[in-house]
Amino acid sequence: MSSKNYPTPRPSLSEVKEQFKIWRRTRKSPRPIPDKLWQAAVSLTATHSISQISKELVLDYNALKRRVPGKNKNTATSISPPGFIELNLEPPAAVSECIVEMQDSLGSKMRMHIRGKTDFDLLELAQAFWSKRP
């Protein structure tokens, strides 16, 4: 009968957190974190974010990130640059501006300063102003 190689189960975040608590309580003096604990923390990255793990286990984010395969700083350089980049060299559209000033014979005044899209009907605006009754 052949033996099957079953994958070892990954520890949960709470189990690894408990391992770190025990190690911190039992260590005699400030010492580096053992490799076994680092490996347990790294194994959690399959199901949790590096940020979440570092907060829960009270670890240095960058130290953990350096130990995670595929998450180091060299991954940015492995991405190939794009073959073609389109540049839009048209000048930017000028912002339209309009100032409307009106005054009737009784001294009523209206002044409007409009920037941006000026798609309103000036004739309708003037008719509304002039047709008002005192």
N, C-alpha and C. Protein backbone atom coordinates (compact mmCIF):
# COMPACT_ATOMS: atom_id res chain seq x y z
N MET A 1 0.84 -1.16 0.00
CA MET A 1 0.00 0.00 0.00
C MET A 1 0.89 1.24 0.00
N SER A 2 0.62 2.21 -0.88
CA SER A 2 1.45 3.40 -0.99
C SER A 2 0.93 4.49 -0.05
N SER A 3 1.87 5.24 0.47
CA SER A 3 1.47 6.34 1.36
C SER A 3 1.25 7.58 0.52
N LYS A 4 0.22 8.30 0.86
CA LYS A 4 -0.11 9.52 0.13
C LYS A 4 0.48 10.71 0.87
N ASN A 5 0.96 11.66 0.11
CA ASN A 5 1.50 12.88 0.69
C ASN A 5 0.40 13.92 0.77
N TYR A 6 -0.17 14.06 1.92
CA TYR A 6 -1.20 15.06 2.13
C TYR A 6 -0.53 16.37 2.52
N PRO A 7 -1.05 17.49 2.02
CA PRO A 7 -0.45 18.76 2.41
C PRO A 7 -0.70 19.03 3.89
N THR A 8 0.30 19.58 4.53
CA THR A 8 0.13 19.91 5.94
C THR A 8 -0.83 21.08 6.06
N PRO A 9 -1.75 21.03 7.00
CA PRO A 9 -2.70 22.13 7.12
C PRO A 9 -2.01 23.41 7.59
N ARG A 10 -2.44 24.51 7.04
CA ARG A 10 -1.88 25.81 7.45
C ARG A 10 -2.50 26.21 8.77
N PRO A 11 -1.68 26.78 9.64
CA PRO A 11 -2.23 27.23 10.92
C PRO A 11 -3.11 28.48 10.69
N SER A 12 -4.07 28.65 11.57
CA SER A 12 -4.94 29.83 11.48
C SER A 12 -4.23 31.03 12.11
N LEU A 13 -4.77 32.20 11.86
CA LEU A 13 -4.20 33.43 12.40
C LEU A 13 -4.20 33.40 13.92
N SER A 14 -5.27 32.89 14.50
CA SER A 14 -5.34 32.84 15.97
C SER A 14 -4.31 31.86 16.55
N GLU A 15 -4.05 30.75 15.85
CA GLU A 15 -3.05 29.79 16.33
C GLU A 15 -1.65 30.40 16.29
N VAL A 16 -1.33 31.09 15.20
CA VAL A 16 -0.01 31.71 15.09
C VAL A 16 0.12 32.84 16.09
N LYS A 17 -0.95 33.58 16.31
CA LYS A 17 -0.93 34.66 17.30
C LYS A 17 -0.64 34.09 18.69
N GLU A 18 -1.20 32.95 19.01
CA GLU A 18 -0.96 32.30 20.30
C GLU A 18 0.49 31.83 20.40
N GLN A 19 1.05 31.31 19.28
CA GLN A 19 2.45 30.88 19.28
C GLN A 19 3.38 32.07 19.57
N PHE A 20 3.07 33.22 18.95
CA PHE A 20 3.88 34.42 19.19
C PHE A 20 3.76 34.88 20.64
N LYS A 21 2.55 34.80 21.22
CA LYS A 21 2.36 35.19 22.63
C LYS A 21 3.19 34.31 23.55
N ILE A 22 3.17 33.01 23.30
CA ILE A 22 3.95 32.07 24.12
C ILE A 22 5.43 32.36 23.99
N TRP A 23 5.91 32.56 22.76
CA TRP A 23 7.33 32.83 22.54
C TRP A 23 7.74 34.13 23.26
N ARG A 24 6.92 35.15 23.18
CA ARG A 24 7.26 36.43 23.81
C ARG A 24 7.28 36.31 25.34
N ARG A 25 6.39 35.49 25.89
CA ARG A 25 6.35 35.32 27.34
C ARG A 25 7.53 34.50 27.86
N THR A 26 7.98 33.54 27.07
CA THR A 26 8.99 32.61 27.56
C THR A 26 10.43 32.98 27.20
N ARG A 27 10.65 33.92 26.34
CA ARG A 27 12.03 34.26 25.97
C ARG A 27 12.72 34.97 27.14
N LYS A 28 13.99 34.73 27.26
CA LYS A 28 14.76 35.26 28.38
C LYS A 28 15.19 36.70 28.15
N SER A 29 15.60 37.03 26.93
CA SER A 29 16.07 38.38 26.63
C SER A 29 15.66 38.71 25.20
N PRO A 30 15.79 39.96 24.81
CA PRO A 30 15.43 40.29 23.43
C PRO A 30 16.24 39.47 22.43
N ARG A 31 15.56 38.65 21.69
CA ARG A 31 16.19 37.80 20.68
C ARG A 31 15.41 37.91 19.38
N PRO A 32 16.06 37.57 18.27
CA PRO A 32 15.34 37.58 16.99
C PRO A 32 14.21 36.54 16.99
N ILE A 33 13.20 36.82 16.22
CA ILE A 33 12.07 35.88 16.10
C ILE A 33 12.58 34.62 15.41
N PRO A 34 12.27 33.45 15.94
CA PRO A 34 12.73 32.20 15.32
C PRO A 34 12.16 32.02 13.91
N ASP A 35 12.91 31.33 13.06
CA ASP A 35 12.49 31.09 11.68
C ASP A 35 11.16 30.36 11.60
N LYS A 36 10.93 29.45 12.53
CA LYS A 36 9.68 28.68 12.52
C LYS A 36 8.47 29.62 12.67
N LEU A 37 8.59 30.63 13.54
CA LEU A 37 7.50 31.58 13.71
C LEU A 37 7.35 32.47 12.47
N TRP A 38 8.48 32.87 11.89
CA TRP A 38 8.40 33.66 10.65
C TRP A 38 7.71 32.87 9.55
N GLN A 39 8.05 31.59 9.44
CA GLN A 39 7.43 30.74 8.41
C GLN A 39 5.93 30.62 8.64
N ALA A 40 5.54 30.50 9.90
CA ALA A 40 4.10 30.42 10.21
C ALA A 40 3.40 31.72 9.82
N ALA A 41 4.05 32.85 10.09
CA ALA A 41 3.46 34.15 9.73
C ALA A 41 3.37 34.29 8.21
N VAL A 42 4.41 33.88 7.50
CA VAL A 42 4.41 33.96 6.04
C VAL A 42 3.34 33.05 5.44
N SER A 43 3.11 31.90 6.05
CA SER A 43 2.10 30.98 5.53
C SER A 43 0.69 31.57 5.59
N LEU A 44 0.48 32.54 6.47
CA LEU A 44 -0.84 33.17 6.60
C LEU A 44 -1.16 34.10 5.43
N THR A 45 -0.13 34.49 4.64
CA THR A 45 -0.37 35.42 3.54
C THR A 45 -1.22 34.82 2.44
N ALA A 46 -1.42 33.52 2.46
CA ALA A 46 -2.30 32.89 1.47
C ALA A 46 -3.76 33.27 1.72
N THR A 47 -4.10 33.58 2.97
CA THR A 47 -5.49 33.89 3.30
C THR A 47 -5.70 35.27 3.91
N HIS A 48 -4.63 35.94 4.30
CA HIS A 48 -4.74 37.25 4.95
C HIS A 48 -3.76 38.23 4.31
N SER A 49 -4.03 39.51 4.45
CA SER A 49 -3.11 40.52 3.92
C SER A 49 -1.91 40.68 4.86
N ILE A 50 -0.82 41.16 4.30
CA ILE A 50 0.39 41.39 5.10
C ILE A 50 0.09 42.40 6.21
N SER A 51 -0.68 43.41 5.88
CA SER A 51 -1.03 44.44 6.86
C SER A 51 -1.80 43.84 8.04
N GLN A 52 -2.78 43.02 7.73
CA GLN A 52 -3.59 42.40 8.79
C GLN A 52 -2.74 41.49 9.66
N ILE A 53 -1.87 40.71 9.03
CA ILE A 53 -1.01 39.79 9.78
C ILE A 53 -0.06 40.57 10.69
N SER A 54 0.56 41.61 10.14
CA SER A 54 1.52 42.38 10.95
C SER A 54 0.84 43.05 12.14
N LYS A 55 -0.39 43.50 11.97
CA LYS A 55 -1.12 44.12 13.09
C LYS A 55 -1.49 43.09 14.14
N GLU A 56 -2.02 41.96 13.70
CA GLU A 56 -2.46 40.92 14.65
C GLU A 56 -1.30 40.31 15.41
N LEU A 57 -0.18 40.07 14.72
CA LEU A 57 0.96 39.40 15.35
C LEU A 57 1.97 40.39 15.94
N VAL A 58 1.71 41.69 15.81
CA VAL A 58 2.59 42.75 16.29
C VAL A 58 3.99 42.55 15.69
N LEU A 59 4.02 42.56 14.35
CA LEU A 59 5.27 42.40 13.61
C LEU A 59 5.53 43.64 12.77
N ASP A 60 6.80 43.84 12.44
CA ASP A 60 7.16 44.92 11.54
C ASP A 60 6.65 44.57 10.13
N TYR A 61 5.82 45.45 9.56
CA TYR A 61 5.22 45.21 8.25
C TYR A 61 6.28 44.92 7.19
N ASN A 62 7.31 45.77 7.12
CA ASN A 62 8.34 45.62 6.08
C ASN A 62 9.16 44.35 6.27
N ALA A 63 9.43 43.98 7.52
CA ALA A 63 10.19 42.74 7.78
C ALA A 63 9.40 41.53 7.29
N LEU A 64 8.09 41.55 7.53
CA LEU A 64 7.25 40.44 7.06
C LEU A 64 7.15 40.45 5.54
N LYS A 65 6.99 41.62 4.97
CA LYS A 65 6.85 41.74 3.51
C LYS A 65 8.10 41.21 2.80
N ARG A 66 9.29 41.47 3.37
CA ARG A 66 10.53 40.98 2.76
C ARG A 66 10.60 39.46 2.75
N ARG A 67 9.95 38.82 3.70
CA ARG A 67 10.03 37.36 3.80
C ARG A 67 9.00 36.65 2.93
N VAL A 68 8.01 37.39 2.43
CA VAL A 68 6.96 36.77 1.62
C VAL A 68 7.46 36.65 0.18
N PRO A 69 7.51 35.43 -0.37
CA PRO A 69 7.98 35.28 -1.75
C PRO A 69 7.02 35.96 -2.72
N GLY A 70 7.58 36.67 -3.69
CA GLY A 70 6.76 37.34 -4.70
C GLY A 70 6.23 38.69 -4.26
N LYS A 71 6.47 39.10 -3.04
CA LYS A 71 5.99 40.39 -2.55
C LYS A 71 7.14 41.37 -2.31
N ASN A 72 8.33 41.05 -2.81
CA ASN A 72 9.47 41.94 -2.55
C ASN A 72 9.53 43.04 -3.59
N LYS A 73 10.49 43.93 -3.43
CA LYS A 73 10.57 45.12 -4.27
C LYS A 73 10.99 44.82 -5.69
N ASN A 74 11.53 43.64 -5.97
CA ASN A 74 11.98 43.32 -7.32
C ASN A 74 10.84 42.98 -8.26
N THR A 75 9.62 42.79 -7.75
CA THR A 75 8.51 42.45 -8.61
C THR A 75 8.15 43.60 -9.53
N ALA A 76 8.38 44.83 -9.13
CA ALA A 76 8.05 45.98 -9.98
C ALA A 76 8.96 46.02 -11.19
N THR A 77 10.20 45.60 -11.05
CA THR A 77 11.12 45.63 -12.18
C THR A 77 10.88 44.46 -13.12
N SER A 78 10.19 43.42 -12.69
CA SER A 78 9.95 42.27 -13.56
C SER A 78 8.81 42.51 -14.52
N ILE A 79 8.04 43.56 -14.32
CA ILE A 79 6.93 43.86 -15.22
C ILE A 79 7.49 44.51 -16.47
N SER A 80 7.10 43.98 -17.63
CA SER A 80 7.64 44.53 -18.87
C SER A 80 6.97 45.86 -19.19
N PRO A 81 7.73 46.80 -19.75
CA PRO A 81 7.16 48.10 -20.08
C PRO A 81 6.20 47.96 -21.26
N PRO A 82 5.23 48.85 -21.37
CA PRO A 82 4.28 48.75 -22.48
C PRO A 82 4.98 49.02 -23.80
N GLY A 83 4.48 48.42 -24.87
CA GLY A 83 5.08 48.59 -26.18
C GLY A 83 4.71 49.89 -26.84
N PHE A 84 3.54 50.45 -26.51
CA PHE A 84 3.07 51.66 -27.15
C PHE A 84 2.32 52.51 -26.15
N ILE A 85 2.63 53.79 -26.12
CA ILE A 85 1.91 54.73 -25.25
C ILE A 85 1.40 55.86 -26.13
N GLU A 86 0.09 56.07 -26.13
CA GLU A 86 -0.49 57.14 -26.93
C GLU A 86 -0.46 58.43 -26.13
N LEU A 87 0.01 59.50 -26.77
CA LEU A 87 0.05 60.81 -26.14
C LEU A 87 -0.94 61.72 -26.85
N ASN A 88 -1.74 62.44 -26.08
CA ASN A 88 -2.67 63.40 -26.65
C ASN A 88 -1.96 64.74 -26.65
N LEU A 89 -1.55 65.21 -27.83
CA LEU A 89 -0.79 66.45 -27.94
C LEU A 89 -1.65 67.64 -28.34
N GLU A 90 -2.96 67.49 -28.29
CA GLU A 90 -3.84 68.61 -28.60
C GLU A 90 -3.79 69.62 -27.46
N PRO A 91 -3.85 70.91 -27.81
CA PRO A 91 -3.85 71.91 -26.73
C PRO A 91 -5.15 71.81 -25.92
N PRO A 92 -5.08 72.12 -24.65
CA PRO A 92 -6.29 72.04 -23.84
C PRO A 92 -7.33 73.04 -24.33
N ALA A 93 -8.58 72.67 -24.22
CA ALA A 93 -9.66 73.54 -24.67
C ALA A 93 -9.72 74.77 -23.78
N ALA A 94 -9.90 75.93 -24.41
CA ALA A 94 -9.98 77.18 -23.66
C ALA A 94 -11.32 77.22 -22.92
N VAL A 95 -11.29 77.78 -21.74
CA VAL A 95 -12.51 77.91 -20.96
C VAL A 95 -13.26 79.13 -21.48
N SER A 96 -14.51 78.89 -21.87
CA SER A 96 -15.30 80.01 -22.37
C SER A 96 -15.78 80.87 -21.21
N GLU A 97 -15.94 82.15 -21.51
CA GLU A 97 -16.31 83.09 -20.47
C GLU A 97 -17.27 84.11 -21.09
N CYS A 98 -18.25 84.50 -20.30
CA CYS A 98 -19.24 85.45 -20.81
C CYS A 98 -19.66 86.38 -19.69
N ILE A 99 -19.74 87.69 -20.01
CA ILE A 99 -20.23 88.69 -19.06
C ILE A 99 -21.44 89.36 -19.70
N VAL A 100 -22.56 89.34 -19.01
CA VAL A 100 -23.79 89.95 -19.52
C VAL A 100 -24.18 91.05 -18.54
N GLU A 101 -24.32 92.28 -19.07
CA GLU A 101 -24.76 93.41 -18.25
C GLU A 101 -25.96 94.05 -18.93
N MET A 102 -27.01 94.27 -18.16
CA MET A 102 -28.22 94.91 -18.69
C MET A 102 -28.69 95.95 -17.71
N GLN A 103 -29.29 97.03 -18.27
CA GLN A 103 -29.87 98.08 -17.43
C GLN A 103 -31.08 98.62 -18.18
N ASP A 104 -32.20 98.74 -17.45
CA ASP A 104 -33.39 99.31 -18.10
C ASP A 104 -33.50 100.79 -17.78
N SER A 105 -34.55 101.42 -18.32
CA SER A 105 -34.71 102.87 -18.17
C SER A 105 -35.03 103.29 -16.74
N LEU A 106 -35.50 102.37 -15.90
CA LEU A 106 -35.80 102.69 -14.51
C LEU A 106 -34.58 102.53 -13.59
N GLY A 107 -33.47 102.07 -14.16
CA GLY A 107 -32.25 101.93 -13.38
C GLY A 107 -32.00 100.53 -12.85
N SER A 108 -32.90 99.60 -13.15
CA SER A 108 -32.66 98.20 -12.73
C SER A 108 -31.47 97.65 -13.50
N LYS A 109 -30.59 96.97 -12.80
CA LYS A 109 -29.39 96.44 -13.43
C LYS A 109 -29.30 94.93 -13.20
N MET A 110 -28.71 94.28 -14.17
CA MET A 110 -28.42 92.85 -14.02
C MET A 110 -27.04 92.61 -14.64
N ARG A 111 -26.19 91.96 -13.88
CA ARG A 111 -24.86 91.61 -14.37
C ARG A 111 -24.61 90.15 -14.05
N MET A 112 -24.20 89.41 -15.06
CA MET A 112 -23.90 87.98 -14.88
C MET A 112 -22.53 87.70 -15.47
N HIS A 113 -21.71 87.01 -14.71
CA HIS A 113 -20.38 86.59 -15.17
C HIS A 113 -20.41 85.07 -15.18
N ILE A 114 -20.27 84.50 -16.36
CA ILE A 114 -20.44 83.05 -16.53
C ILE A 114 -19.14 82.48 -17.08
N ARG A 115 -18.62 81.45 -16.43
CA ARG A 115 -17.42 80.74 -16.90
C ARG A 115 -17.80 79.30 -17.17
N GLY A 116 -17.15 78.74 -18.14
CA GLY A 116 -17.42 77.35 -18.48
C GLY A 116 -18.32 77.27 -19.70
N LYS A 117 -19.18 76.31 -19.68
CA LYS A 117 -20.06 76.10 -20.82
C LYS A 117 -21.12 77.19 -20.87
N THR A 118 -21.17 77.90 -21.97
CA THR A 118 -22.14 78.99 -22.11
C THR A 118 -23.15 78.63 -23.18
N ASP A 119 -23.91 77.58 -22.94
CA ASP A 119 -24.88 77.13 -23.94
C ASP A 119 -26.30 77.61 -23.65
N PHE A 120 -26.45 78.65 -22.86
CA PHE A 120 -27.78 79.18 -22.59
C PHE A 120 -28.16 80.18 -23.69
N ASP A 121 -29.42 80.50 -23.77
CA ASP A 121 -29.94 81.39 -24.80
C ASP A 121 -29.93 82.82 -24.28
N LEU A 122 -29.03 83.64 -24.81
CA LEU A 122 -28.91 85.04 -24.37
C LEU A 122 -30.16 85.85 -24.73
N LEU A 123 -30.77 85.56 -25.87
CA LEU A 123 -31.97 86.28 -26.29
C LEU A 123 -33.10 86.06 -25.29
N GLU A 124 -33.27 84.82 -24.84
CA GLU A 124 -34.32 84.51 -23.86
C GLU A 124 -34.03 85.21 -22.52
N LEU A 125 -32.79 85.27 -22.13
CA LEU A 125 -32.40 85.96 -20.89
C LEU A 125 -32.73 87.46 -20.99
N ALA A 126 -32.39 88.08 -22.12
CA ALA A 126 -32.68 89.51 -22.30
C ALA A 126 -34.18 89.77 -22.32
N GLN A 127 -34.94 88.92 -23.00
CA GLN A 127 -36.40 89.10 -23.05
C GLN A 127 -37.01 89.00 -21.65
N ALA A 128 -36.52 88.09 -20.82
CA ALA A 128 -37.06 87.95 -19.47
C ALA A 128 -36.75 89.19 -18.64
N PHE A 129 -35.57 89.76 -18.83
CA PHE A 129 -35.21 90.95 -18.07
C PHE A 129 -36.04 92.17 -18.53
N TRP A 130 -36.18 92.36 -19.83
CA TRP A 130 -36.88 93.55 -20.35
C TRP A 130 -38.38 93.45 -20.21
N SER A 131 -38.92 92.26 -20.13
CA SER A 131 -40.39 92.13 -20.07
C SER A 131 -40.94 92.20 -18.64
N LYS A 132 -40.12 92.37 -17.66
CA LYS A 132 -40.62 92.45 -16.29
C LYS A 132 -41.43 93.71 -16.12
N ARG A 133 -42.37 93.66 -15.24
CA ARG A 133 -43.24 94.81 -15.00
C ARG A 133 -43.00 95.35 -13.61
N PRO A 134 -42.99 96.67 -13.45
CA PRO A 134 -42.77 97.27 -12.12
C PRO A 134 -43.95 97.05 -11.20
